[in-house]
Amino acid sequence: MGVQAVSTPQDGATGRLRAPYRSVLDLIGETPVVELTRFDTGKCRLFIKLESQNPGGSIKDRIALSMIADAERYGRLAPGGTIVEATAGNTGLGLAQVGIPKGYRIILVVPDKMSREKIQHLRALGAEVRLTRSDVGKGHPEYYQDMAEKIAASIPGAFYVNQFANPANPLAHESTTGPELWSQLAEDVDAIVVGVGSGGTLTGLGRYFAKVSPKTEMVLADPVGSVLAPYVKTGELGQAGSWTVEGIGEDFIPPNCDLSFVKKAYSVTDKHSMLAVRDLLSKEGILAGSSSGTLLSAALRYCREQTVPKRVVTFVCDSGNKYLSKVFDDFWLAEQGLAEREQHGDLRDIVARSHREGGTVLVGPDDTLLTAYGRMRRGDVSQLPVLDDGRLVGIIDESDILAVLEGPYDGRWDRFNAPVKSAMTADLHTLQAGQTLDALLPVFERNEVAIVFDGDDFFGLITRVDLINHLRRNR
């Protein structure tokens, strides 16, 4: 029996196959739209535009291309010049993606709550990253926007991008994102759900759809703690709180953010954002970042509130591969208090990585010290329980490994190959899971880690950091 040919889209204006592009920058924009069919959307149809398909992995590629081109056009950016920006990461990635191949130096000021993957991506592209505090507001010397402006002023000829006030930001969405959506959704769009970081998406789309489709409502999805949704609802600019979602939400109203376009605003908790974006992956197979969870949560609320059918669209603002160590890490979510976890009122609530749930990073007594060191590094821990056939027989920490390695340089590598049992501490002081927090203090005073058992079974470890994190979550 012969093999049947699989049909594929034809080359051309509407096909997915194209002749080779001259540059990866030519791939910015024209991102696909997918209908979400596995969520309860009430009477509505909900679509999502995959801005994660841009080469830099986010919607911010559009504005980076626009703002650099605008600066070049009007002489604000000379050949070989320096680009400086304050960014949650994605605008910086876009600027580096566009600017570094053109020979520009890129300096980015990034708040320290941003994901490790974003920082690593920026540095791999060749950008210079300056980390600063994420817990301070505008006017503080370490506020990321103020720092970027100061750095730009100190470098002759530097171009401070300032996405928050740069008119080329909303123009990118008015001239590309809007027309794409209008065409892709057959010129029938009832509502668009957006978030606000700089305000460019909201304002650009708001301007475009006000011209072509006055019925289209702009809906704001905002993290709880941001001042924007409360301002839309009350007209008062309140005090900003804190939130974990990256890239959207603000402690001020950016000049580029025209909130008059907003017809409905939703405040979304971090927990609901994380649950929504994980559902997006498990139900639809779409790997998206944390802000997309905020947008999806708000979009679903909007859809379920409608009494007549509507066509609603929102965005995958960036790819979830930038958040694998955070949003898609069960233990990180638990540490942040963003996971559903039964509370017991005892030491079980403080153990971050339960052995019973398979979360403990461990080592065996016959493993080498090099293996133990490697697991400490990969697990970002300073000590490991030593288990033999499921039974706790010891604990090993960094100081135990160093004690064996100390000595003449000759033979040091052989000492790395020594078994864990030769260095571990076997005289263990343990606590029971049912004990209260007070039981930890004597353990920490002895400079030990708390070893917790549930009856005869090893349950997990508690470090000082675990206790501090528990106290922070339960303030």
Protein backbone atom coordinates (compact mmCIF):
# COMPACT_ATOMS: atom_id res chain seq x y z
CA MET A 1 0.00 0.00 0.00
CA GLY A 2 1.42 3.36 -1.01
CA VAL A 3 2.13 6.22 1.37
CA GLN A 4 -0.52 8.93 1.20
CA ALA A 5 0.83 12.45 0.88
CA VAL A 6 0.05 14.84 3.73
CA SER A 7 -1.47 18.09 2.54
CA THR A 8 0.30 21.28 3.55
CA PRO A 9 -0.53 24.95 3.15
CA GLN A 10 0.58 26.38 -0.16
CA ASP A 11 3.14 29.15 -0.45
CA GLY A 12 1.62 32.56 -0.88
CA ALA A 13 0.07 35.45 0.99
CA THR A 14 -2.16 33.27 3.17
CA GLY A 15 0.00 30.17 3.63
CA ARG A 16 2.30 29.42 6.55
CA LEU A 17 5.22 28.48 4.32
CA ARG A 18 7.40 31.29 2.98
CA ALA A 19 10.60 31.69 1.06
CA PRO A 20 13.65 32.30 3.29
CA TYR A 21 13.72 35.61 5.13
CA ARG A 22 16.76 37.88 4.94
CA SER A 23 16.75 38.59 8.69
CA VAL A 24 15.13 37.24 11.83
CA LEU A 25 13.79 40.77 12.33
CA ASP A 26 11.55 40.19 9.33
CA LEU A 27 9.72 37.64 11.48
CA ILE A 28 8.47 40.28 13.91
CA GLY A 29 4.68 40.56 13.75
CA GLU A 30 2.06 38.65 11.75
CA THR A 31 1.67 36.30 14.71
CA PRO A 32 -1.06 33.61 14.63
CA VAL A 33 -4.40 33.64 16.44
CA VAL A 34 -5.84 30.51 18.09
CA GLU A 35 -9.37 29.98 19.37
CA LEU A 36 -9.50 28.61 22.92
CA THR A 37 -12.02 25.74 22.94
CA ARG A 38 -11.28 23.93 26.20
CA PHE A 39 -12.26 26.68 28.62
CA ASP A 40 -15.71 27.73 29.79
CA THR A 41 -16.23 30.98 27.88
CA GLY A 42 -19.96 31.28 28.46
CA LYS A 43 -21.78 32.59 25.39
CA CYS A 44 -18.58 34.02 23.91
CA ARG A 45 -15.84 32.82 21.63
CA LEU A 46 -12.37 33.56 22.99
CA PHE A 47 -9.31 33.94 20.79
CA ILE A 48 -5.68 34.42 21.76
CA LYS A 49 -2.92 36.00 19.66
CA LEU A 50 0.43 34.25 20.07
CA GLU A 51 2.88 37.13 20.46
CA SER A 52 5.25 34.52 21.89
CA GLN A 53 5.94 33.60 18.25
CA ASN A 54 7.96 36.78 17.70
CA PRO A 55 11.70 36.01 17.43
CA GLY A 56 12.47 37.52 20.83
CA GLY A 57 9.57 35.58 22.31
CA SER A 58 7.27 38.48 23.19
CA ILE A 59 4.97 41.26 22.03
CA LYS A 60 7.72 43.75 22.93
CA ASP A 61 9.66 42.90 19.76
CA ARG A 62 7.18 45.07 17.89
CA ILE A 63 7.85 48.21 19.90
CA ALA A 64 11.63 47.63 20.03
CA LEU A 65 11.75 47.61 16.24
CA SER A 66 9.53 50.68 16.06
CA MET A 67 11.37 52.73 18.69
CA ILE A 68 14.85 52.04 17.31
CA ALA A 69 13.74 52.80 13.75
CA ASP A 70 12.12 56.03 14.93
CA ALA A 71 15.27 57.10 16.82
CA GLU A 72 17.43 56.38 13.77
CA ARG A 73 15.04 58.27 11.49
CA TYR A 74 15.10 61.42 13.61
CA GLY A 75 18.80 61.35 14.52
CA ARG A 76 18.45 60.48 18.19
CA LEU A 77 20.55 57.35 17.73
CA ALA A 78 23.88 57.60 15.95
CA PRO A 79 25.72 54.60 14.44
CA GLY A 80 27.56 52.69 17.16
CA GLY A 81 25.62 54.56 19.86
CA THR A 82 24.33 53.38 23.23
CA ILE A 83 20.72 52.39 23.95
CA VAL A 84 19.59 52.57 27.58
CA GLU A 85 16.24 51.35 28.88
CA ALA A 86 14.35 50.38 32.03
CA THR A 87 12.61 47.07 31.39
CA ALA A 88 10.91 44.11 32.99
CA GLY A 89 12.95 42.06 30.55
CA ASN A 90 10.95 41.66 27.36
CA THR A 91 11.44 45.18 25.97
CA GLY A 92 15.12 44.73 26.73
CA LEU A 93 15.16 41.44 24.85
CA GLY A 94 13.52 43.14 21.89
CA LEU A 95 15.96 46.06 21.97
CA ALA A 96 18.91 43.67 22.15
CA GLN A 97 17.48 41.50 19.38
CA VAL A 98 17.13 44.53 17.11
CA GLY A 99 19.98 46.75 18.31
CA ILE A 100 22.99 44.51 18.85
CA PRO A 101 23.18 43.24 15.23
CA LYS A 102 23.12 46.92 14.21
CA GLY A 103 26.21 47.57 16.34
CA TYR A 104 24.57 49.39 19.26
CA ARG A 105 25.62 49.00 22.88
CA ILE A 106 22.62 47.99 25.01
CA ILE A 107 22.39 48.84 28.74
CA LEU A 108 19.28 47.61 30.54
CA VAL A 109 18.12 48.33 34.08
CA VAL A 110 16.00 45.43 35.31
CA PRO A 111 14.10 44.98 38.62
CA ASP A 112 15.43 42.09 40.65
CA LYS A 113 12.14 40.13 40.75
CA MET A 114 12.45 39.21 37.07
CA SER A 115 13.01 35.61 36.11
CA ARG A 116 16.46 34.08 35.85
CA GLU A 117 15.74 32.96 32.29
CA LYS A 118 15.13 36.54 31.13
CA ILE A 119 18.37 37.77 32.69
CA GLN A 120 20.35 34.92 31.15
CA HIS A 121 18.75 35.52 27.75
CA LEU A 122 19.61 39.23 27.87
CA ARG A 123 23.24 38.58 28.76
CA ALA A 124 23.54 35.84 26.14
CA LEU A 125 22.41 38.34 23.50
CA GLY A 126 25.20 40.68 24.62
CA ALA A 127 23.23 43.23 26.63
CA GLU A 128 24.67 44.80 29.79
CA VAL A 129 22.22 44.16 32.63
CA ARG A 130 22.07 46.32 35.75
CA LEU A 131 19.83 44.78 38.42
CA THR A 132 18.04 47.03 40.88
CA ARG A 133 15.39 46.86 43.56
CA SER A 134 11.81 45.92 42.69
CA ASP A 135 10.37 47.06 46.03
CA VAL A 136 10.78 50.83 45.55
CA GLY A 137 8.64 53.36 43.70
CA LYS A 138 9.14 56.25 41.34
CA GLY A 139 11.36 58.95 42.87
CA HIS A 140 13.58 56.49 44.75
CA PRO A 141 17.21 56.56 43.50
CA GLU A 142 17.12 52.79 42.91
CA TYR A 143 13.81 52.82 41.01
CA TYR A 144 14.55 51.16 37.68
CA GLN A 145 13.24 53.94 35.43
CA ASP A 146 15.04 56.69 37.33
CA MET A 147 18.25 54.65 37.27
CA ALA A 148 18.05 54.14 33.51
CA GLU A 149 17.47 57.83 32.89
CA LYS A 150 20.46 58.72 35.08
CA ILE A 151 22.72 56.21 33.30
CA ALA A 152 21.68 57.56 29.89
CA ALA A 153 22.39 61.13 30.98
CA SER A 154 25.92 60.12 32.04
CA ILE A 155 26.85 58.66 28.61
CA PRO A 156 27.42 61.18 25.79
CA GLY A 157 25.00 60.61 22.93
CA ALA A 158 23.15 57.76 24.65
CA PHE A 159 19.54 57.18 23.63
CA TYR A 160 17.19 56.68 26.58
CA VAL A 161 14.35 54.72 24.98
CA ASN A 162 11.73 55.44 27.67
CA GLN A 163 9.05 53.07 26.38
CA PHE A 164 6.62 54.60 28.90
CA ALA A 165 6.49 57.92 26.99
CA ASN A 166 7.93 57.07 23.56
CA PRO A 167 5.21 57.69 20.92
CA ALA A 168 6.72 55.02 18.65
CA ASN A 169 5.54 52.43 21.22
CA PRO A 170 1.76 52.77 20.76
CA LEU A 171 2.32 53.53 17.08
CA ALA A 172 3.71 50.01 16.62
CA HIS A 173 0.43 48.50 17.81
CA GLU A 174 -1.75 50.99 15.97
CA SER A 175 0.03 50.24 12.70
CA THR A 176 0.67 46.47 13.02
CA THR A 177 -1.04 44.61 15.88
CA GLY A 178 -4.42 46.28 15.35
CA PRO A 179 -4.67 45.72 11.58
CA GLU A 180 -3.54 42.10 12.04
CA LEU A 181 -6.28 41.38 14.59
CA TRP A 182 -8.90 43.12 12.45
CA SER A 183 -7.98 40.97 9.47
CA GLN A 184 -7.51 37.70 11.37
CA LEU A 185 -10.89 37.97 13.12
CA ALA A 186 -12.75 38.78 9.90
CA GLU A 187 -13.36 42.41 10.91
CA ASP A 188 -15.58 41.36 13.81
CA VAL A 189 -14.10 42.04 17.28
CA ASP A 190 -16.29 42.82 20.28
CA ALA A 191 -13.65 43.08 22.98
CA ILE A 192 -9.86 43.05 23.40
CA VAL A 193 -8.35 42.16 26.78
CA VAL A 194 -4.94 43.72 27.41
CA GLY A 195 -2.55 44.38 30.25
CA VAL A 196 -0.58 47.57 30.82
CA GLY A 197 3.14 47.76 31.43
CA SER A 198 4.02 50.83 29.42
CA GLY A 199 0.52 51.36 27.99
CA GLY A 200 1.52 50.99 24.36
CA THR A 201 -0.69 48.01 23.55
CA LEU A 202 -3.79 49.55 25.14
CA THR A 203 -3.33 52.96 23.54
CA GLY A 204 -2.27 51.74 20.11
CA LEU A 205 -5.11 49.23 19.82
CA GLY A 206 -7.55 51.67 21.37
CA ARG A 207 -6.72 54.26 18.68
CA TYR A 208 -6.94 51.78 15.84
CA PHE A 209 -10.22 50.16 16.84
CA ALA A 210 -11.83 53.50 17.68
CA LYS A 211 -11.42 54.25 13.95
CA VAL A 212 -12.37 50.91 12.39
CA SER A 213 -14.73 49.37 14.97
CA PRO A 214 -16.25 51.72 17.55
CA LYS A 215 -18.17 48.79 19.11
CA THR A 216 -14.91 47.10 20.19
CA GLU A 217 -14.40 47.38 23.95
CA MET A 218 -10.94 47.64 25.48
CA VAL A 219 -10.76 45.56 28.68
CA LEU A 220 -7.95 45.99 31.19
CA ALA A 221 -6.42 43.00 33.02
CA ASP A 222 -4.36 44.26 35.96
CA PRO A 223 -2.53 42.49 38.80
CA VAL A 224 -3.85 43.09 42.32
CA GLY A 225 -1.46 45.69 43.78
CA SER A 226 -1.26 47.77 40.60
CA VAL A 227 -2.88 51.22 40.69
CA LEU A 228 -4.41 51.06 37.20
CA ALA A 229 -7.62 49.01 37.56
CA PRO A 230 -8.57 50.79 40.81
CA TYR A 231 -8.04 54.12 39.04
CA VAL A 232 -10.36 53.09 36.19
CA LYS A 233 -13.03 52.11 38.72
CA THR A 234 -12.73 55.03 41.16
CA GLY A 235 -10.88 57.83 39.38
CA GLU A 236 -8.46 57.95 42.31
CA LEU A 237 -4.77 57.08 42.18
CA GLY A 238 -4.12 54.88 45.20
CA GLN A 239 -1.05 53.44 46.84
CA ALA A 240 0.64 50.63 44.92
CA GLY A 241 1.10 47.24 46.52
CA SER A 242 3.27 44.35 45.35
CA TRP A 243 2.65 41.55 42.87
CA THR A 244 4.57 38.63 41.43
CA VAL A 245 3.37 38.69 37.80
CA GLU A 246 6.03 40.18 35.53
CA GLY A 247 5.70 42.82 32.84
CA ILE A 248 2.28 44.33 33.61
CA GLY A 249 0.82 46.45 36.39
CA GLU A 250 2.18 49.82 37.46
CA ASP A 251 2.65 52.12 40.44
CA PHE A 252 1.92 55.18 38.26
CA ILE A 253 0.03 55.95 35.05
CA PRO A 254 2.57 55.97 32.18
CA PRO A 255 2.29 58.86 29.70
CA ASN A 256 1.66 56.31 26.93
CA CYS A 257 -1.28 54.80 28.81
CA ASP A 258 -4.61 56.27 27.72
CA LEU A 259 -7.02 54.72 30.21
CA SER A 260 -9.96 56.55 28.62
CA PHE A 261 -10.14 53.66 26.14
CA VAL A 262 -10.88 51.16 28.95
CA LYS A 263 -14.53 50.15 29.26
CA LYS A 264 -14.03 47.44 31.89
CA ALA A 265 -11.15 46.67 34.28
CA TYR A 266 -10.40 43.55 36.31
CA SER A 267 -7.93 43.14 39.17
CA VAL A 268 -6.47 39.62 39.12
CA THR A 269 -4.58 37.99 41.99
CA ASP A 270 -1.20 36.40 41.45
CA LYS A 271 -2.65 33.03 42.39
CA HIS A 272 -5.39 33.26 39.74
CA SER A 273 -2.83 34.39 37.15
CA MET A 274 -0.59 31.41 37.85
CA LEU A 275 -3.46 28.94 37.82
CA ALA A 276 -4.78 30.35 34.54
CA VAL A 277 -1.46 30.22 32.69
CA ARG A 278 -0.84 26.66 33.88
CA ASP A 279 -4.35 25.73 32.71
CA LEU A 280 -3.55 27.30 29.35
CA LEU A 281 -0.68 24.85 29.00
CA SER A 282 -2.47 21.75 30.29
CA LYS A 283 -5.73 22.38 28.39
CA GLU A 284 -4.62 24.06 25.17
CA GLY A 285 -0.92 23.16 24.95
CA ILE A 286 0.12 26.84 24.93
CA LEU A 287 3.21 27.70 26.99
CA ALA A 288 2.81 31.33 28.09
CA GLY A 289 4.27 33.73 30.64
CA SER A 290 2.74 34.94 33.88
CA SER A 291 1.16 38.11 32.47
CA SER A 292 -0.74 35.98 29.94
CA GLY A 293 -2.35 34.26 32.93
CA THR A 294 -3.58 37.63 34.15
CA LEU A 295 -5.03 38.43 30.74
CA LEU A 296 -6.62 35.00 30.36
CA SER A 297 -8.18 35.12 33.83
CA ALA A 298 -9.71 38.53 33.11
CA ALA A 299 -10.84 37.46 29.63
CA LEU A 300 -12.64 34.42 31.04
CA ARG A 301 -14.38 36.57 33.65
CA TYR A 302 -15.46 39.02 30.97
CA CYS A 303 -16.74 36.24 28.69
CA ARG A 304 -18.75 34.55 31.44
CA GLU A 305 -20.41 37.83 32.38
CA GLN A 306 -21.81 38.43 28.90
CA THR A 307 -25.49 37.77 28.21
CA VAL A 308 -25.12 37.79 24.42
CA PRO A 309 -22.51 36.09 22.22
CA LYS A 310 -19.34 38.09 21.66
CA ARG A 311 -16.01 37.61 19.94
CA VAL A 312 -13.23 38.35 22.44
CA VAL A 313 -9.47 38.30 21.90
CA THR A 314 -6.49 38.49 24.23
CA PHE A 315 -2.76 37.79 24.03
CA VAL A 316 0.01 35.41 24.89
CA CYS A 317 2.31 38.32 25.70
CA ASP A 318 5.43 36.20 25.93
CA SER A 319 6.63 32.62 26.05
CA GLY A 320 6.47 30.56 29.21
CA ASN A 321 9.95 29.21 28.57
CA LYS A 322 11.15 32.39 30.34
CA TYR A 323 9.40 31.31 33.54
CA LEU A 324 10.18 27.61 33.89
CA SER A 325 12.05 28.25 37.15
CA LYS A 326 9.09 30.21 38.56
CA VAL A 327 5.55 29.87 37.25
CA PHE A 328 6.02 26.25 36.18
CA ASP A 329 7.98 25.18 39.25
CA ASP A 330 5.59 23.69 41.84
CA PHE A 331 8.00 24.32 44.69
CA TRP A 332 8.55 27.96 43.75
CA LEU A 333 4.79 28.48 43.70
CA ALA A 334 4.49 26.89 47.13
CA GLU A 335 7.31 29.07 48.49
CA GLN A 336 5.48 32.15 47.20
CA GLY A 337 2.19 31.04 48.72
CA LEU A 338 0.65 30.76 45.25
CA ALA A 339 -0.14 27.04 45.27
CA GLU A 340 -3.08 25.27 46.84
CA ARG A 341 -1.55 23.59 49.88
CA GLU A 342 -3.20 22.15 52.95
CA GLN A 343 -2.19 23.93 56.14
CA HIS A 344 -1.62 21.99 59.40
CA GLY A 345 -0.42 24.62 61.85
CA ASP A 346 2.84 22.74 62.51
CA LEU A 347 6.25 22.12 60.94
CA ARG A 348 4.73 20.47 57.88
CA ASP A 349 3.70 23.95 56.72
CA ILE A 350 7.33 25.14 56.71
CA VAL A 351 8.98 22.24 54.87
CA ALA A 352 9.40 23.65 51.35
CA ARG A 353 10.22 20.35 49.64
CA SER A 354 8.49 17.35 51.14
CA HIS A 355 10.23 14.01 50.70
CA ARG A 356 6.83 12.32 50.68
CA GLU A 357 5.89 14.35 47.58
CA GLY A 358 9.19 13.61 45.86
CA GLY A 359 10.52 17.13 46.24
CA THR A 360 13.66 16.50 48.28
CA VAL A 361 17.04 16.84 46.61
CA LEU A 362 19.03 13.99 48.16
CA VAL A 363 22.12 11.86 47.84
CA GLY A 364 23.13 8.30 48.71
CA PRO A 365 25.95 7.30 51.10
CA ASP A 366 27.97 5.70 48.29
CA ASP A 367 27.62 8.63 45.91
CA THR A 368 30.73 10.76 45.48
CA LEU A 369 31.29 14.19 46.98
CA LEU A 370 31.35 15.53 43.42
CA THR A 371 27.84 14.15 42.91
CA ALA A 372 26.71 15.75 46.17
CA TYR A 373 28.23 19.08 45.16
CA GLY A 374 26.57 18.93 41.73
CA ARG A 375 23.16 18.29 43.26
CA MET A 376 23.59 21.17 45.69
CA ARG A 377 24.40 23.49 42.80
CA ARG A 378 21.53 22.34 40.59
CA GLY A 379 19.05 22.31 43.46
CA ASP A 380 20.24 25.67 44.83
CA VAL A 381 20.61 24.17 48.32
CA SER A 382 23.44 24.07 50.84
CA GLN A 383 22.75 20.69 52.42
CA LEU A 384 21.45 17.30 51.36
CA PRO A 385 19.83 14.47 53.30
CA VAL A 386 21.62 11.17 52.83
CA LEU A 387 19.22 8.28 52.30
CA ASP A 388 20.04 4.59 52.07
CA ASP A 389 17.21 2.44 50.77
CA GLY A 390 14.69 5.09 51.80
CA ARG A 391 16.11 5.45 55.33
CA LEU A 392 17.80 8.67 56.48
CA VAL A 393 21.35 7.85 57.54
CA GLY A 394 22.98 11.26 57.57
CA ILE A 395 23.17 14.80 56.27
CA ILE A 396 25.93 16.51 54.31
CA ASP A 397 26.48 20.23 53.77
CA GLU A 398 29.03 22.48 52.10
CA SER A 399 31.29 22.61 55.14
CA ASP A 400 31.44 18.78 55.27
CA ILE A 401 32.61 18.68 51.66
CA LEU A 402 35.17 21.44 52.22
CA ALA A 403 36.58 19.63 55.25
CA VAL A 404 37.43 16.65 53.05
CA LEU A 405 38.78 18.72 50.18
CA GLU A 406 41.14 20.79 52.31
CA GLY A 407 44.77 19.81 52.07
CA PRO A 408 47.50 19.60 49.43
CA TYR A 409 46.60 20.38 45.84
CA ASP A 410 47.91 16.97 44.79
CA GLY A 411 45.16 14.43 45.21
CA ARG A 412 42.37 17.00 45.49
CA TRP A 413 40.47 15.52 42.57
CA ASP A 414 40.70 12.08 44.16
CA ARG A 415 39.17 13.55 47.31
CA PHE A 416 36.19 14.72 45.23
CA ASN A 417 35.64 11.05 44.46
CA ALA A 418 35.42 10.13 48.13
CA PRO A 419 32.04 8.65 49.15
CA VAL A 420 29.45 10.84 50.85
CA LYS A 421 29.45 8.54 53.89
CA SER A 422 33.05 9.56 54.59
CA ALA A 423 32.04 13.19 55.08
CA MET A 424 28.41 13.18 56.21
CA THR A 425 27.15 13.85 59.72
CA ALA A 426 25.46 10.74 61.07
CA ASP A 427 24.65 12.01 64.58
CA LEU A 428 21.25 13.50 63.79
CA HIS A 429 18.91 15.58 65.93
CA THR A 430 15.38 15.28 64.62
CA LEU A 431 12.01 16.92 65.12
CA GLN A 432 8.51 15.58 64.62
CA ALA A 433 6.25 17.09 61.97
CA GLY A 434 3.54 17.79 64.54
CA GLN A 435 5.74 20.14 66.55
CA THR A 436 5.29 23.89 66.34
CA LEU A 437 7.51 26.63 64.98
CA ASP A 438 9.07 27.26 68.42
CA ALA A 439 10.89 23.92 68.16
CA LEU A 440 13.07 25.34 65.36
CA LEU A 441 14.82 28.04 67.35
CA PRO A 442 17.11 25.77 69.43
CA VAL A 443 18.07 23.91 66.25
CA PHE A 444 19.10 27.09 64.47
CA GLU A 445 20.96 28.33 67.55
CA ARG A 446 23.15 25.21 67.20
CA ASN A 447 23.78 26.20 63.55
CA GLU A 448 22.00 23.06 62.36
CA VAL A 449 19.31 22.46 59.79
CA ALA A 450 16.02 21.08 61.13
CA ILE A 451 15.45 17.44 60.18
CA VAL A 452 11.74 16.65 60.30
CA PHE A 453 10.20 13.19 60.66
CA ASP A 454 6.57 12.14 60.50
CA GLY A 455 6.62 9.19 62.85
CA ASP A 456 9.43 6.94 61.61
CA ASP A 457 9.47 8.42 58.11
CA PHE A 458 11.73 11.23 56.92
CA PHE A 459 9.54 14.20 55.94
CA GLY A 460 11.98 16.94 54.93
CA LEU A 461 14.41 19.69 55.96
CA ILE A 462 13.79 23.18 57.27
CA THR A 463 16.43 25.88 56.87
CA ARG A 464 16.51 29.43 58.19
CA VAL A 465 15.47 30.63 54.73
CA ASP A 466 12.45 28.32 54.83
CA LEU A 467 11.40 29.80 58.17
CA ILE A 468 11.90 33.38 56.94
CA ASN A 469 9.84 32.60 53.83
CA HIS A 470 7.07 31.08 55.97
CA LEU A 471 6.96 34.18 58.18
CA ARG A 472 6.85 36.41 55.08
CA ARG A 473 3.94 34.49 53.55
CA ASN A 474 1.96 34.53 56.77
CA ARG A 475 2.35 38.15 57.73
